[in-house]
Amino acid sequence: MTKQDCVIAPPPTTLTTPEAAAYLNLQPTTLEQWRWNGKGPEFIKLGRCVRYRKTGLDAFMNARAFTSTTEAQAA
Protein backbone atom coordinates (compact mmCIF):
# COMPACT_ATOMS: atom_id res chain seq x y z
CA MET A 1 0.00 0.00 0.00
CA THR A 2 1.41 3.36 -0.96
CA LYS A 3 0.93 6.67 0.80
CA GLN A 4 -1.26 7.78 -2.09
CA ASP A 5 -3.64 4.85 -1.47
CA CYS A 6 -4.32 6.14 2.05
CA VAL A 7 -5.45 9.61 1.04
CA ILE A 8 -8.95 10.25 2.30
CA ALA A 9 -11.17 12.14 -0.10
CA PRO A 10 -12.70 15.32 1.30
CA PRO A 11 -16.43 15.20 1.98
CA PRO A 12 -18.54 16.31 -0.96
CA THR A 13 -19.53 19.95 -1.04
CA THR A 14 -22.80 19.13 -2.77
CA LEU A 15 -25.51 16.77 -1.62
CA THR A 16 -28.23 14.82 -3.38
CA THR A 17 -31.86 15.43 -2.40
CA PRO A 18 -31.93 12.49 0.07
CA GLU A 19 -28.59 13.60 1.57
CA ALA A 20 -29.74 17.22 1.87
CA ALA A 21 -33.02 16.10 3.42
CA ALA A 22 -31.12 14.03 6.00
CA TYR A 23 -28.85 17.02 6.70
CA LEU A 24 -31.94 19.17 7.39
CA ASN A 25 -33.76 16.32 9.18
CA LEU A 26 -36.59 16.44 6.61
CA GLN A 27 -38.16 14.00 4.19
CA PRO A 28 -36.85 14.16 0.59
CA THR A 29 -40.42 14.79 -0.60
CA THR A 30 -40.47 17.98 1.48
CA LEU A 31 -37.45 19.32 -0.40
CA GLU A 32 -39.00 18.25 -3.71
CA GLN A 33 -42.22 20.12 -2.90
CA TRP A 34 -40.33 23.20 -1.75
CA ARG A 35 -38.25 23.10 -4.95
CA TRP A 36 -41.43 22.90 -7.05
CA ASN A 37 -43.01 25.81 -5.14
CA GLY A 38 -39.83 27.91 -5.01
CA LYS A 39 -39.82 27.95 -1.20
CA GLY A 40 -36.82 25.79 -0.36
CA PRO A 41 -33.07 26.21 -0.25
CA GLU A 42 -31.07 27.12 -3.31
CA PHE A 43 -30.27 24.11 -5.50
CA ILE A 44 -28.14 23.29 -8.52
CA LYS A 45 -29.56 21.58 -11.57
CA LEU A 46 -27.10 19.49 -13.60
CA GLY A 47 -29.10 17.94 -16.40
CA ARG A 48 -31.73 15.92 -14.56
CA CYS A 49 -29.67 15.81 -11.37
CA VAL A 50 -30.38 18.12 -8.44
CA ARG A 51 -27.66 19.01 -5.95
CA TYR A 52 -27.59 21.21 -2.86
CA ARG A 53 -24.55 23.02 -1.48
CA LYS A 54 -24.02 22.56 2.25
CA THR A 55 -23.33 26.28 2.51
CA GLY A 56 -26.70 26.98 0.88
CA LEU A 57 -28.48 24.65 3.29
CA ASP A 58 -26.79 26.36 6.23
CA ALA A 59 -27.76 29.79 4.89
CA PHE A 60 -31.35 28.60 4.43
CA MET A 61 -31.49 27.45 8.06
CA ASN A 62 -29.78 30.60 9.37
CA ALA A 63 -32.31 32.79 7.57
CA ARG A 64 -35.06 30.96 9.48
CA ALA A 65 -33.59 31.30 12.96
CA PHE A 66 -35.78 33.28 15.36
CA THR A 67 -35.73 34.17 19.02
CA SER A 68 -39.50 34.13 19.54
CA THR A 69 -42.63 32.72 17.93
CA THR A 70 -43.88 36.28 17.42
CA GLU A 71 -40.80 37.05 15.35
CA ALA A 72 -41.27 33.84 13.34
CA GLN A 73 -44.94 34.61 12.65
CA ALA A 74 -44.07 38.11 11.42
CA ALA A 75 -41.58 36.71 8.93
C-alpha atoms as a PDB file:
ATOM      1  CA  MET A   1       0.000   0.000   0.000  1.00  0.00           C
ATOM      2  CA  THR A   2       1.414   3.360  -0.957  1.00  0.00           C
ATOM      3  CA  LYS A   3       0.930   6.669   0.805  1.00  0.00           C
ATOM      4  CA  GLN A   4      -1.261   7.784  -2.094  1.00  0.00           C
ATOM      5  CA  ASP A   5      -3.644   4.849  -1.469  1.00  0.00           C
ATOM      6  CA  CYS A   6      -4.315   6.139   2.048  1.00  0.00           C
ATOM      7  CA  VAL A   7      -5.448   9.611   1.044  1.00  0.00           C
ATOM      8  CA  ILE A   8      -8.948  10.249   2.301  1.00  0.00           C
ATOM      9  CA  ALA A   9     -11.173  12.139  -0.096  1.00  0.00           C
ATOM     10  CA  PRO A  10     -12.696  15.322   1.296  1.00  0.00           C
ATOM     11  CA  PRO A  11     -16.425  15.205   1.982  1.00  0.00           C
ATOM     12  CA  PRO A  12     -18.538  16.306  -0.963  1.00  0.00           C
ATOM     13  CA  THR A  13     -19.534  19.954  -1.039  1.00  0.00           C
ATOM     14  CA  THR A  14     -22.800  19.129  -2.773  1.00  0.00           C
ATOM     15  CA  LEU A  15     -25.511  16.770  -1.622  1.00  0.00           C
ATOM     16  CA  THR A  16     -28.232  14.823  -3.384  1.00  0.00           C
ATOM     17  CA  THR A  17     -31.860  15.433  -2.397  1.00  0.00           C
ATOM     18  CA  PRO A  18     -31.926  12.494   0.069  1.00  0.00           C
ATOM     19  CA  GLU A  19     -28.589  13.595   1.572  1.00  0.00           C
ATOM     20  CA  ALA A  20     -29.742  17.217   1.870  1.00  0.00           C
ATOM     21  CA  ALA A  21     -33.019  16.102   3.423  1.00  0.00           C
ATOM     22  CA  ALA A  22     -31.124  14.030   6.003  1.00  0.00           C
ATOM     23  CA  TYR A  23     -28.850  17.015   6.703  1.00  0.00           C
ATOM     24  CA  LEU A  24     -31.943  19.166   7.392  1.00  0.00           C
ATOM     25  CA  ASN A  25     -33.758  16.323   9.182  1.00  0.00           C
ATOM     26  CA  LEU A  26     -36.586  16.438   6.607  1.00  0.00           C
ATOM     27  CA  GLN A  27     -38.164  13.998   4.186  1.00  0.00           C
ATOM     28  CA  PRO A  28     -36.852  14.156   0.591  1.00  0.00           C
ATOM     29  CA  THR A  29     -40.417  14.791  -0.600  1.00  0.00           C
ATOM     30  CA  THR A  30     -40.472  17.977   1.480  1.00  0.00           C
ATOM     31  CA  LEU A  31     -37.448  19.316  -0.400  1.00  0.00           C
ATOM     32  CA  GLU A  32     -38.999  18.254  -3.711  1.00  0.00           C
ATOM     33  CA  GLN A  33     -42.220  20.121  -2.896  1.00  0.00           C
ATOM     34  CA  TRP A  34     -40.329  23.204  -1.753  1.00  0.00           C
ATOM     35  CA  ARG A  35     -38.252  23.099  -4.948  1.00  0.00           C
ATOM     36  CA  TRP A  36     -41.429  22.900  -7.047  1.00  0.00           C
ATOM     37  CA  ASN A  37     -43.005  25.812  -5.141  1.00  0.00           C
ATOM     38  CA  GLY A  38     -39.826  27.910  -5.013  1.00  0.00           C
ATOM     39  CA  LYS A  39     -39.819  27.953  -1.196  1.00  0.00           C
ATOM     40  CA  GLY A  40     -36.823  25.793  -0.357  1.00  0.00           C
ATOM     41  CA  PRO A  41     -33.072  26.210  -0.248  1.00  0.00           C
ATOM     42  CA  GLU A  42     -31.071  27.125  -3.314  1.00  0.00           C
ATOM     43  CA  PHE A  43     -30.267  24.115  -5.500  1.00  0.00           C
ATOM     44  CA  ILE A  44     -28.136  23.292  -8.516  1.00  0.00           C
ATOM     45  CA  LYS A  45     -29.561  21.577 -11.574  1.00  0.00           C
ATOM     46  CA  LEU A  46     -27.101  19.485 -13.602  1.00  0.00           C
ATOM     47  CA  GLY A  47     -29.102  17.943 -16.402  1.00  0.00           C
ATOM     48  CA  ARG A  48     -31.726  15.920 -14.563  1.00  0.00           C
ATOM     49  CA  CYS A  49     -29.673  15.806 -11.367  1.00  0.00           C
ATOM     50  CA  VAL A  50     -30.378  18.123  -8.443  1.00  0.00           C
ATOM     51  CA  ARG A  51     -27.665  19.006  -5.946  1.00  0.00           C
ATOM     52  CA  TYR A  52     -27.588  21.206  -2.857  1.00  0.00           C
ATOM     53  CA  ARG A  53     -24.550  23.023  -1.477  1.00  0.00           C
ATOM     54  CA  LYS A  54     -24.021  22.558   2.255  1.00  0.00           C
ATOM     55  CA  THR A  55     -23.326  26.285   2.510  1.00  0.00           C
ATOM     56  CA  GLY A  56     -26.702  26.985   0.880  1.00  0.00           C
ATOM     57  CA  LEU A  57     -28.478  24.649   3.292  1.00  0.00           C
ATOM     58  CA  ASP A  58     -26.786  26.356   6.234  1.00  0.00           C
ATOM     59  CA  ALA A  59     -27.761  29.792   4.891  1.00  0.00           C
ATOM     60  CA  PHE A  60     -31.348  28.595   4.431  1.00  0.00           C
ATOM     61  CA  MET A  61     -31.485  27.446   8.060  1.00  0.00           C
ATOM     62  CA  ASN A  62     -29.784  30.597   9.374  1.00  0.00           C
ATOM     63  CA  ALA A  63     -32.314  32.788   7.568  1.00  0.00           C
ATOM     64  CA  ARG A  64     -35.055  30.962   9.478  1.00  0.00           C
ATOM     65  CA  ALA A  65     -33.588  31.296  12.958  1.00  0.00           C
ATOM     66  CA  PHE A  66     -35.781  33.276  15.356  1.00  0.00           C
ATOM     67  CA  THR A  67     -35.727  34.167  19.023  1.00  0.00           C
ATOM     68  CA  SER A  68     -39.504  34.127  19.537  1.00  0.00           C
ATOM     69  CA  THR A  69     -42.634  32.722  17.926  1.00  0.00           C
ATOM     70  CA  THR A  70     -43.877  36.284  17.417  1.00  0.00           C
ATOM     71  CA  GLU A  71     -40.799  37.046  15.352  1.00  0.00           C
ATOM     72  CA  ALA A  72     -41.269  33.841  13.343  1.00  0.00           C
ATOM     73  CA  GLN A  73     -44.941  34.614  12.655  1.00  0.00           C
ATOM     74  CA  ALA A  74     -44.071  38.112  11.424  1.00  0.00           C
ATOM     75  CA  ALA A  75     -41.583  36.705   8.927  1.00  0.00           C
END
